[in-house]
Full PDB file with SEQRES, HELIX, SHEET, SSBOND, CRYST1, ORIGX, SCALE, CONECT and MASTER records, all heavy atoms in Angstrom:
SEQRES   1 A   34  LEU LEU ASP PHE VAL TYR VAL ASP THR ALA LYS SER LEU          
SEQRES   2 A   34  ILE LYS ASN MET ASN SER ILE GLY TYR LYS VAL GLU PHE          
SEQRES   3 A   34  PRO MET GLY GLN ALA CYS CYS GLY                              
HELIX    1 AA1 VAL A    7  SER A   19  1                                  13    
CRYST1    1.000    1.000    1.000  90.00  90.00  90.00 P 1           1          
ORIGX1      1.000000  0.000000  0.000000        0.00000                         
ORIGX2      0.000000  1.000000  0.000000        0.00000                         
ORIGX3      0.000000  0.000000  1.000000        0.00000                         
SCALE1      1.000000  0.000000  0.000000        0.00000                         
SCALE2      0.000000  1.000000  0.000000        0.00000                         
SCALE3      0.000000  0.000000  1.000000        0.00000                         
ATOM      1  N   LEU A   1     -55.663   4.637  14.829  1.00  0.00           N  
ATOM      2  CA  LEU A   1     -54.947   3.380  14.599  1.00  0.00           C  
ATOM      3  C   LEU A   1     -54.610   2.641  15.886  1.00  0.00           C  
ATOM      4  O   LEU A   1     -54.736   1.421  15.961  1.00  0.00           O  
ATOM      5  CB  LEU A   1     -53.679   3.633  13.781  1.00  0.00           C  
ATOM      6  CG  LEU A   1     -53.917   3.927  12.299  1.00  0.00           C  
ATOM      7  CD1 LEU A   1     -52.614   4.278  11.586  1.00  0.00           C  
ATOM      8  CD2 LEU A   1     -54.566   2.729  11.601  1.00  0.00           C  
ATOM      9  N   LEU A   2     -54.184   3.355  16.923  1.00  0.00           N  
ATOM     10  CA  LEU A   2     -53.887   2.672  18.182  1.00  0.00           C  
ATOM     11  C   LEU A   2     -55.161   2.204  18.872  1.00  0.00           C  
ATOM     12  O   LEU A   2     -55.170   1.182  19.554  1.00  0.00           O  
ATOM     13  CB  LEU A   2     -53.090   3.582  19.124  1.00  0.00           C  
ATOM     14  CG  LEU A   2     -51.579   3.331  19.148  1.00  0.00           C  
ATOM     15  CD1 LEU A   2     -50.971   3.642  17.795  1.00  0.00           C  
ATOM     16  CD2 LEU A   2     -50.911   4.159  20.234  1.00  0.00           C  
ATOM     17  N   ASP A   3     -56.227   2.943  18.687  1.00  0.00           N  
ATOM     18  CA  ASP A   3     -57.497   2.594  19.324  1.00  0.00           C  
ATOM     19  C   ASP A   3     -58.148   1.383  18.655  1.00  0.00           C  
ATOM     20  O   ASP A   3     -58.644   0.472  19.329  1.00  0.00           O  
ATOM     21  CB  ASP A   3     -58.436   3.800  19.252  1.00  0.00           C  
ATOM     22  CG  ASP A   3     -59.618   3.684  20.213  1.00  0.00           C  
ATOM     23  OD1 ASP A   3     -59.781   2.627  20.853  1.00  0.00           O  
ATOM     24  OD2 ASP A   3     -60.388   4.657  20.318  1.00  0.00           O  
ATOM     25  N   PHE A   4     -58.103   1.348  17.313  1.00  0.00           N  
ATOM     26  CA  PHE A   4     -58.875   0.337  16.595  1.00  0.00           C  
ATOM     27  C   PHE A   4     -58.039  -0.658  15.784  1.00  0.00           C  
ATOM     28  O   PHE A   4     -58.603  -1.581  15.205  1.00  0.00           O  
ATOM     29  CB  PHE A   4     -59.887   1.017  15.669  1.00  0.00           C  
ATOM     30  CG  PHE A   4     -61.064   1.589  16.404  1.00  0.00           C  
ATOM     31  CD1 PHE A   4     -61.027   2.870  16.915  1.00  0.00           C  
ATOM     32  CD2 PHE A   4     -62.207   0.830  16.609  1.00  0.00           C  
ATOM     33  CE1 PHE A   4     -62.110   3.391  17.613  1.00  0.00           C  
ATOM     34  CE2 PHE A   4     -63.297   1.338  17.298  1.00  0.00           C  
ATOM     35  CZ  PHE A   4     -63.249   2.630  17.810  1.00  0.00           C  
ATOM     36  N   VAL A   5     -56.729  -0.487  15.720  1.00  0.00           N  
ATOM     37  CA  VAL A   5     -55.896  -1.422  14.955  1.00  0.00           C  
ATOM     38  C   VAL A   5     -54.745  -1.958  15.805  1.00  0.00           C  
ATOM     39  O   VAL A   5     -54.633  -3.171  16.037  1.00  0.00           O  
ATOM     40  CB  VAL A   5     -55.349  -0.756  13.666  1.00  0.00           C  
ATOM     41  CG1 VAL A   5     -54.465  -1.748  12.904  1.00  0.00           C  
ATOM     42  CG2 VAL A   5     -56.494  -0.287  12.773  1.00  0.00           C  
ATOM     43  N   TYR A   6     -53.898  -1.075  16.279  1.00  0.00           N  
ATOM     44  CA  TYR A   6     -52.690  -1.502  16.982  1.00  0.00           C  
ATOM     45  C   TYR A   6     -52.875  -1.407  18.498  1.00  0.00           C  
ATOM     46  O   TYR A   6     -52.209  -0.626  19.190  1.00  0.00           O  
ATOM     47  CB  TYR A   6     -51.499  -0.669  16.522  1.00  0.00           C  
ATOM     48  CG  TYR A   6     -51.176  -0.842  15.055  1.00  0.00           C  
ATOM     49  CD1 TYR A   6     -51.146   0.250  14.191  1.00  0.00           C  
ATOM     50  CD2 TYR A   6     -50.919  -2.107  14.533  1.00  0.00           C  
ATOM     51  CE1 TYR A   6     -50.848   0.083  12.841  1.00  0.00           C  
ATOM     52  CE2 TYR A   6     -50.625  -2.287  13.191  1.00  0.00           C  
ATOM     53  CZ  TYR A   6     -50.599  -1.187  12.345  1.00  0.00           C  
ATOM     54  OH  TYR A   6     -50.317  -1.358  11.013  1.00  0.00           O  
ATOM     55  N   VAL A   7     -53.765  -2.225  19.010  1.00  0.00           N  
ATOM     56  CA  VAL A   7     -54.075  -2.212  20.443  1.00  0.00           C  
ATOM     57  C   VAL A   7     -52.863  -2.645  21.270  1.00  0.00           C  
ATOM     58  O   VAL A   7     -52.602  -2.098  22.352  1.00  0.00           O  
ATOM     59  CB  VAL A   7     -55.286  -3.122  20.727  1.00  0.00           C  
ATOM     60  CG1 VAL A   7     -55.565  -3.205  22.230  1.00  0.00           C  
ATOM     61  CG2 VAL A   7     -56.517  -2.597  19.989  1.00  0.00           C  
ATOM     62  N   ASP A   8     -52.089  -3.610  20.766  1.00  0.00           N  
ATOM     63  CA  ASP A   8     -50.905  -4.070  21.507  1.00  0.00           C  
ATOM     64  C   ASP A   8     -49.865  -2.959  21.654  1.00  0.00           C  
ATOM     65  O   ASP A   8     -49.167  -2.888  22.674  1.00  0.00           O  
ATOM     66  CB  ASP A   8     -50.283  -5.279  20.811  1.00  0.00           C  
ATOM     67  CG  ASP A   8     -51.114  -6.547  20.987  1.00  0.00           C  
ATOM     68  OD1 ASP A   8     -51.961  -6.568  21.897  1.00  0.00           O  
ATOM     69  OD2 ASP A   8     -50.928  -7.500  20.201  1.00  0.00           O  
ATOM     70  N   THR A   9     -49.767  -2.120  20.637  1.00  0.00           N  
ATOM     71  CA  THR A   9     -48.842  -0.984  20.731  1.00  0.00           C  
ATOM     72  C   THR A   9     -49.282  -0.048  21.850  1.00  0.00           C  
ATOM     73  O   THR A   9     -48.459   0.446  22.634  1.00  0.00           O  
ATOM     74  CB  THR A   9     -48.782  -0.215  19.393  1.00  0.00           C  
ATOM     75  OG1 THR A   9     -48.354  -1.097  18.365  1.00  0.00           O  
ATOM     76  CG2 THR A   9     -47.822   0.958  19.485  1.00  0.00           C  
ATOM     77  N   ALA A  10     -50.579   0.194  21.925  1.00  0.00           N  
ATOM     78  CA  ALA A  10     -51.103   1.055  22.985  1.00  0.00           C  
ATOM     79  C   ALA A  10     -50.811   0.464  24.363  1.00  0.00           C  
ATOM     80  O   ALA A  10     -50.444   1.183  25.305  1.00  0.00           O  
ATOM     81  CB  ALA A  10     -52.608   1.242  22.798  1.00  0.00           C  
ATOM     82  N   LYS A  11     -50.943  -0.856  24.492  1.00  0.00           N  
ATOM     83  CA  LYS A  11     -50.644  -1.513  25.770  1.00  0.00           C  
ATOM     84  C   LYS A  11     -49.177  -1.316  26.155  1.00  0.00           C  
ATOM     85  O   LYS A  11     -48.842  -1.106  27.332  1.00  0.00           O  
ATOM     86  CB  LYS A  11     -50.953  -3.004  25.674  1.00  0.00           C  
ATOM     87  CG  LYS A  11     -52.436  -3.342  25.608  1.00  0.00           C  
ATOM     88  CD  LYS A  11     -52.620  -4.855  25.492  1.00  0.00           C  
ATOM     89  CE  LYS A  11     -54.075  -5.248  25.401  1.00  0.00           C  
ATOM     90  NZ  LYS A  11     -54.253  -6.715  25.245  1.00  0.00           N  
ATOM     91  N   SER A  12     -48.288  -1.382  25.146  1.00  0.00           N  
ATOM     92  CA  SER A  12     -46.859  -1.205  25.440  1.00  0.00           C  
ATOM     93  C   SER A  12     -46.580   0.212  25.941  1.00  0.00           C  
ATOM     94  O   SER A  12     -45.738   0.410  26.826  1.00  0.00           O  
ATOM     95  CB  SER A  12     -46.017  -1.518  24.199  1.00  0.00           C  
ATOM     96  OG  SER A  12     -46.104  -0.486  23.233  1.00  0.00           O  
ATOM     97  N   LEU A  13     -47.276   1.187  25.388  1.00  0.00           N  
ATOM     98  CA  LEU A  13     -47.118   2.572  25.853  1.00  0.00           C  
ATOM     99  C   LEU A  13     -47.477   2.686  27.330  1.00  0.00           C  
ATOM    100  O   LEU A  13     -46.764   3.313  28.123  1.00  0.00           O  
ATOM    101  CB  LEU A  13     -48.032   3.507  25.051  1.00  0.00           C  
ATOM    102  CG  LEU A  13     -47.711   3.775  23.591  1.00  0.00           C  
ATOM    103  CD1 LEU A  13     -48.869   4.506  22.933  1.00  0.00           C  
ATOM    104  CD2 LEU A  13     -46.451   4.608  23.466  1.00  0.00           C  
ATOM    105  N   ILE A  14     -48.601   2.081  27.665  1.00  0.00           N  
ATOM    106  CA  ILE A  14     -49.089   2.153  29.047  1.00  0.00           C  
ATOM    107  C   ILE A  14     -48.080   1.517  29.997  1.00  0.00           C  
ATOM    108  O   ILE A  14     -47.729   2.088  31.038  1.00  0.00           O  
ATOM    109  CB  ILE A  14     -50.465   1.463  29.151  1.00  0.00           C  
ATOM    110  CG1 ILE A  14     -51.488   2.226  28.310  1.00  0.00           C  
ATOM    111  CG2 ILE A  14     -50.922   1.372  30.612  1.00  0.00           C  
ATOM    112  CD1 ILE A  14     -52.765   1.459  28.034  1.00  0.00           C  
ATOM    113  N   LYS A  15     -47.590   0.328  29.634  1.00  0.00           N  
ATOM    114  CA  LYS A  15     -46.643  -0.382  30.500  1.00  0.00           C  
ATOM    115  C   LYS A  15     -45.327   0.385  30.643  1.00  0.00           C  
ATOM    116  O   LYS A  15     -44.735   0.438  31.731  1.00  0.00           O  
ATOM    117  CB  LYS A  15     -46.378  -1.787  29.951  1.00  0.00           C  
ATOM    118  CG  LYS A  15     -47.588  -2.711  30.001  1.00  0.00           C  
ATOM    119  CD  LYS A  15     -48.074  -2.916  31.431  1.00  0.00           C  
ATOM    120  CE  LYS A  15     -49.226  -3.902  31.505  1.00  0.00           C  
ATOM    121  NZ  LYS A  15     -49.735  -4.051  32.906  1.00  0.00           N  
ATOM    122  N   ASN A  16     -44.871   0.959  29.567  1.00  0.00           N  
ATOM    123  CA  ASN A  16     -43.628   1.738  29.630  1.00  0.00           C  
ATOM    124  C   ASN A  16     -43.784   2.955  30.541  1.00  0.00           C  
ATOM    125  O   ASN A  16     -42.893   3.266  31.335  1.00  0.00           O  
ATOM    126  CB  ASN A  16     -43.215   2.183  28.227  1.00  0.00           C  
ATOM    127  CG  ASN A  16     -42.518   1.095  27.441  1.00  0.00           C  
ATOM    128  OD1 ASN A  16     -41.753   0.313  27.990  1.00  0.00           O  
ATOM    129  ND2 ASN A  16     -42.780   1.025  26.143  1.00  0.00           N  
ATOM    130  N   MET A  17     -44.906   3.652  30.418  1.00  0.00           N  
ATOM    131  CA  MET A  17     -45.120   4.836  31.256  1.00  0.00           C  
ATOM    132  C   MET A  17     -45.291   4.437  32.717  1.00  0.00           C  
ATOM    133  O   MET A  17     -44.805   5.130  33.622  1.00  0.00           O  
ATOM    134  CB  MET A  17     -46.335   5.616  30.762  1.00  0.00           C  
ATOM    135  CG  MET A  17     -46.167   6.261  29.394  1.00  0.00           C  
ATOM    136  SD  MET A  17     -44.688   7.313  29.250  1.00  0.00           S  
ATOM    137  CE  MET A  17     -45.034   8.580  30.473  1.00  0.00           C  
ATOM    138  N   ASN A  18     -45.974   3.323  32.957  1.00  0.00           N  
ATOM    139  CA  ASN A  18     -46.099   2.822  34.328  1.00  0.00           C  
ATOM    140  C   ASN A  18     -44.726   2.554  34.935  1.00  0.00           C  
ATOM    141  O   ASN A  18     -44.486   2.818  36.122  1.00  0.00           O  
ATOM    142  CB  ASN A  18     -46.914   1.529  34.361  1.00  0.00           C  
ATOM    143  CG  ASN A  18     -48.381   1.708  34.013  1.00  0.00           C  
ATOM    144  OD1 ASN A  18     -49.086   0.738  33.736  1.00  0.00           O  
ATOM    145  ND2 ASN A  18     -48.882   2.939  34.008  1.00  0.00           N  
ATOM    146  N   SER A  19     -43.812   2.019  34.121  1.00  0.00           N  
ATOM    147  CA  SER A  19     -42.491   1.620  34.630  1.00  0.00           C  
ATOM    148  C   SER A  19     -41.652   2.802  35.090  1.00  0.00           C  
ATOM    149  O   SER A  19     -40.700   2.622  35.850  1.00  0.00           O  
ATOM    150  CB  SER A  19     -41.737   0.827  33.562  1.00  0.00           C  
ATOM    151  OG  SER A  19     -41.275   1.683  32.517  1.00  0.00           O  
ATOM    152  N   ILE A  20     -41.993   3.999  34.623  1.00  0.00           N  
ATOM    153  CA  ILE A  20     -41.223   5.188  35.047  1.00  0.00           C  
ATOM    154  C   ILE A  20     -42.062   6.099  35.951  1.00  0.00           C  
ATOM    155  O   ILE A  20     -41.753   7.279  36.132  1.00  0.00           O  
ATOM    156  CB  ILE A  20     -40.692   5.986  33.836  1.00  0.00           C  
ATOM    157  CG1 ILE A  20     -41.825   6.417  32.895  1.00  0.00           C  
ATOM    158  CG2 ILE A  20     -39.650   5.173  33.081  1.00  0.00           C  
ATOM    159  CD1 ILE A  20     -41.374   7.371  31.795  1.00  0.00           C  
ATOM    160  N   GLY A  21     -43.168   5.529  36.503  1.00  0.00           N  
ATOM    161  CA  GLY A  21     -43.904   6.234  37.543  1.00  0.00           C  
ATOM    162  C   GLY A  21     -45.094   7.052  37.091  1.00  0.00           C  
ATOM    163  O   GLY A  21     -45.532   7.944  37.832  1.00  0.00           O  
ATOM    164  N   TYR A  22     -45.639   6.776  35.924  1.00  0.00           N  
ATOM    165  CA  TYR A  22     -46.795   7.550  35.445  1.00  0.00           C  
ATOM    166  C   TYR A  22     -47.997   6.638  35.216  1.00  0.00           C  
ATOM    167  O   TYR A  22     -47.904   5.608  34.545  1.00  0.00           O  
ATOM    168  CB  TYR A  22     -46.456   8.284  34.150  1.00  0.00           C  
ATOM    169  CG  TYR A  22     -45.595   9.495  34.378  1.00  0.00           C  
ATOM    170  CD1 TYR A  22     -44.204   9.366  34.429  1.00  0.00           C  
ATOM    171  CD2 TYR A  22     -46.157  10.750  34.582  1.00  0.00           C  
ATOM    172  CE1 TYR A  22     -43.400  10.468  34.665  1.00  0.00           C  
ATOM    173  CE2 TYR A  22     -45.363  11.864  34.824  1.00  0.00           C  
ATOM    174  CZ  TYR A  22     -43.981  11.716  34.862  1.00  0.00           C  
ATOM    175  OH  TYR A  22     -43.186  12.810  35.114  1.00  0.00           O  
ATOM    176  N   LYS A  23     -49.113   7.044  35.804  1.00  0.00           N  
ATOM    177  CA  LYS A  23     -50.370   6.359  35.545  1.00  0.00           C  
ATOM    178  C   LYS A  23     -50.959   6.912  34.255  1.00  0.00           C  
ATOM    179  O   LYS A  23     -50.817   8.098  33.959  1.00  0.00           O  
ATOM    180  CB  LYS A  23     -51.351   6.577  36.692  1.00  0.00           C  
ATOM    181  CG  LYS A  23     -52.654   5.821  36.508  1.00  0.00           C  
ATOM    182  CD  LYS A  23     -53.639   6.111  37.633  1.00  0.00           C  
ATOM    183  CE  LYS A  23     -54.945   5.367  37.375  1.00  0.00           C  
ATOM    184  NZ  LYS A  23     -55.975   5.690  38.393  1.00  0.00           N  
ATOM    185  N   VAL A  24     -51.602   6.055  33.474  1.00  0.00           N  
ATOM    186  CA  VAL A  24     -52.165   6.455  32.190  1.00  0.00           C  
ATOM    187  C   VAL A  24     -53.688   6.373  32.250  1.00  0.00           C  
ATOM    188  O   VAL A  24     -54.248   5.364  32.701  1.00  0.00           O  
ATOM    189  CB  VAL A  24     -51.648   5.554  31.044  1.00  0.00           C  
ATOM    190  CG1 VAL A  24     -52.240   6.004  29.703  1.00  0.00           C  
ATOM    191  CG2 VAL A  24     -50.122   5.578  30.995  1.00  0.00           C  
ATOM    192  N   GLU A  25     -54.347   7.434  31.798  1.00  0.00           N  
ATOM    193  CA  GLU A  25     -55.799   7.434  31.683  1.00  0.00           C  
ATOM    194  C   GLU A  25     -56.185   7.567  30.215  1.00  0.00           C  
ATOM    195  O   GLU A  25     -55.409   8.076  29.393  1.00  0.00           O  
ATOM    196  CB  GLU A  25     -56.415   8.570  32.511  1.00  0.00           C  
ATOM    197  CG  GLU A  25     -56.227   8.374  34.007  1.00  0.00           C  
ATOM    198  CD  GLU A  25     -56.973   9.409  34.842  1.00  0.00           C  
ATOM    199  OE1 GLU A  25     -57.706  10.243  34.253  1.00  0.00           O  
ATOM    200  OE2 GLU A  25     -56.818   9.391  36.082  1.00  0.00           O  
ATOM    201  N   PHE A  26     -57.408   7.135  29.914  1.00  0.00           N  
ATOM    202  CA  PHE A  26     -57.888   7.152  28.529  1.00  0.00           C  
ATOM    203  C   PHE A  26     -59.242   7.858  28.469  1.00  0.00           C  
ATOM    204  O   PHE A  26     -60.285   7.242  28.723  1.00  0.00           O  
ATOM    205  CB  PHE A  26     -58.017   5.723  27.996  1.00  0.00           C  
ATOM    206  CG  PHE A  26     -58.373   5.644  26.526  1.00  0.00           C  
ATOM    207  CD1 PHE A  26     -57.392   5.690  25.552  1.00  0.00           C  
ATOM    208  CD2 PHE A  26     -59.697   5.536  26.123  1.00  0.00           C  
ATOM    209  CE1 PHE A  26     -57.719   5.618  24.206  1.00  0.00           C  
ATOM    210  CE2 PHE A  26     -60.038   5.466  24.784  1.00  0.00           C  
ATOM    211  CZ  PHE A  26     -59.047   5.510  23.814  1.00  0.00           C  
ATOM    212  N   PRO A  27     -59.266   9.149  28.156  1.00  0.00           N  
ATOM    213  CA  PRO A  27     -60.540   9.874  28.042  1.00  0.00           C  
ATOM    214  C   PRO A  27     -61.389   9.285  26.920  1.00  0.00           C  
ATOM    215  O   PRO A  27     -60.988   9.296  25.752  1.00  0.00           O  
ATOM    216  CB  PRO A  27     -60.101  11.308  27.726  1.00  0.00           C  
ATOM    217  CG  PRO A  27     -58.702  11.405  28.263  1.00  0.00           C  
ATOM    218  CD  PRO A  27     -58.116  10.054  28.020  1.00  0.00           C  
ATOM    219  N   MET A  28     -62.547   8.770  27.252  1.00  0.00           N  
ATOM    220  CA  MET A  28     -63.359   8.020  26.295  1.00  0.00           C  
ATOM    221  C   MET A  28     -64.001   8.891  25.216  1.00  0.00           C  
ATOM    222  O   MET A  28     -64.421   8.390  24.178  1.00  0.00           O  
ATOM    223  CB  MET A  28     -64.454   7.242  27.039  1.00  0.00           C  
ATOM    224  CG  MET A  28     -63.918   6.091  27.855  1.00  0.00           C  
ATOM    225  SD  MET A  28     -63.159   4.821  26.813  1.00  0.00           S  
ATOM    226  CE  MET A  28     -62.429   3.747  28.059  1.00  0.00           C  
ATOM    227  N   GLY A  29     -64.082  10.169  25.436  1.00  0.00           N  
ATOM    228  CA  GLY A  29     -64.733  11.037  24.449  1.00  0.00           C  
ATOM    229  C   GLY A  29     -63.846  11.428  23.282  1.00  0.00           C  
ATOM    230  O   GLY A  29     -64.301  12.105  22.345  1.00  0.00           O  
ATOM    231  N   GLN A  30     -62.605  10.984  23.296  1.00  0.00           N  
ATOM    232  CA  GLN A  30     -61.678  11.365  22.227  1.00  0.00           C  
ATOM    233  C   GLN A  30     -62.086  10.758  20.895  1.00  0.00           C  
ATOM    234  O   GLN A  30     -62.642   9.665  20.831  1.00  0.00           O  
ATOM    235  CB  GLN A  30     -60.244  10.975  22.574  1.00  0.00           C  
ATOM    236  CG  GLN A  30     -60.002   9.501  22.740  1.00  0.00           C  
ATOM    237  CD  GLN A  30     -58.562   9.195  23.143  1.00  0.00           C  
ATOM    238  OE1 GLN A  30     -57.689   9.041  22.285  1.00  0.00           O  
ATOM    239  NE2 GLN A  30     -58.315   9.097  24.451  1.00  0.00           N  
ATOM    240  N   ALA A  31     -61.803  11.497  19.822  1.00  0.00           N  
ATOM    241  CA  ALA A  31     -62.175  11.081  18.462  1.00  0.00           C  
ATOM    242  C   ALA A  31     -60.956  11.175  17.560  1.00  0.00           C  
ATOM    243  O   ALA A  31     -59.834  11.403  18.031  1.00  0.00           O  
ATOM    244  CB  ALA A  31     -63.303  11.960  17.946  1.00  0.00           C  
ATOM    245  N   CYS A  32     -61.171  11.030  16.265  1.00  0.00           N  
ATOM    246  CA  CYS A  32     -60.087  11.229  15.294  1.00  0.00           C  
ATOM    247  C   CYS A  32     -59.467  12.600  15.517  1.00  0.00           C  
ATOM    248  O   CYS A  32     -60.171  13.581  15.789  1.00  0.00           O  
ATOM    249  CB  CYS A  32     -60.648  11.116  13.872  1.00  0.00           C  
ATOM    250  SG  CYS A  32     -59.463  11.561  12.576  1.00  0.00           S  
ATOM    251  N   CYS A  33     -58.159  12.698  15.395  1.00  0.00           N  
ATOM    252  CA  CYS A  33     -57.468  13.965  15.667  1.00  0.00           C  
ATOM    253  C   CYS A  33     -57.829  15.069  14.682  1.00  0.00           C  
ATOM    254  O   CYS A  33     -57.660  16.250  14.976  1.00  0.00           O  
ATOM    255  CB  CYS A  33     -55.959  13.756  15.668  1.00  0.00           C  
ATOM    256  SG  CYS A  33     -55.270  13.366  14.028  1.00  0.00           S  
ATOM    257  N   GLY A  34     -58.308  14.692  13.504  1.00  0.00           N  
ATOM    258  CA  GLY A  34     -58.653  15.686  12.485  1.00  0.00           C  
ATOM    259  C   GLY A  34     -57.605  15.828  11.406  1.00  0.00           C  
ATOM    260  O   GLY A  34     -57.769  16.616  10.475  1.00  0.00           O  
TER     261      GLY A  34                                                      
MASTER        0    0    0    1    0    0    0    6  260    1    0    3          
END                                                                             
């Protein structure tokens, strides 16, 4: 859902984590959690 529907929510996560000193990476091989 964050990958293909709620992209803005994902962006907010990244910005929030950046604000407290954490860089965010996105492993491209990830799939549905199952």
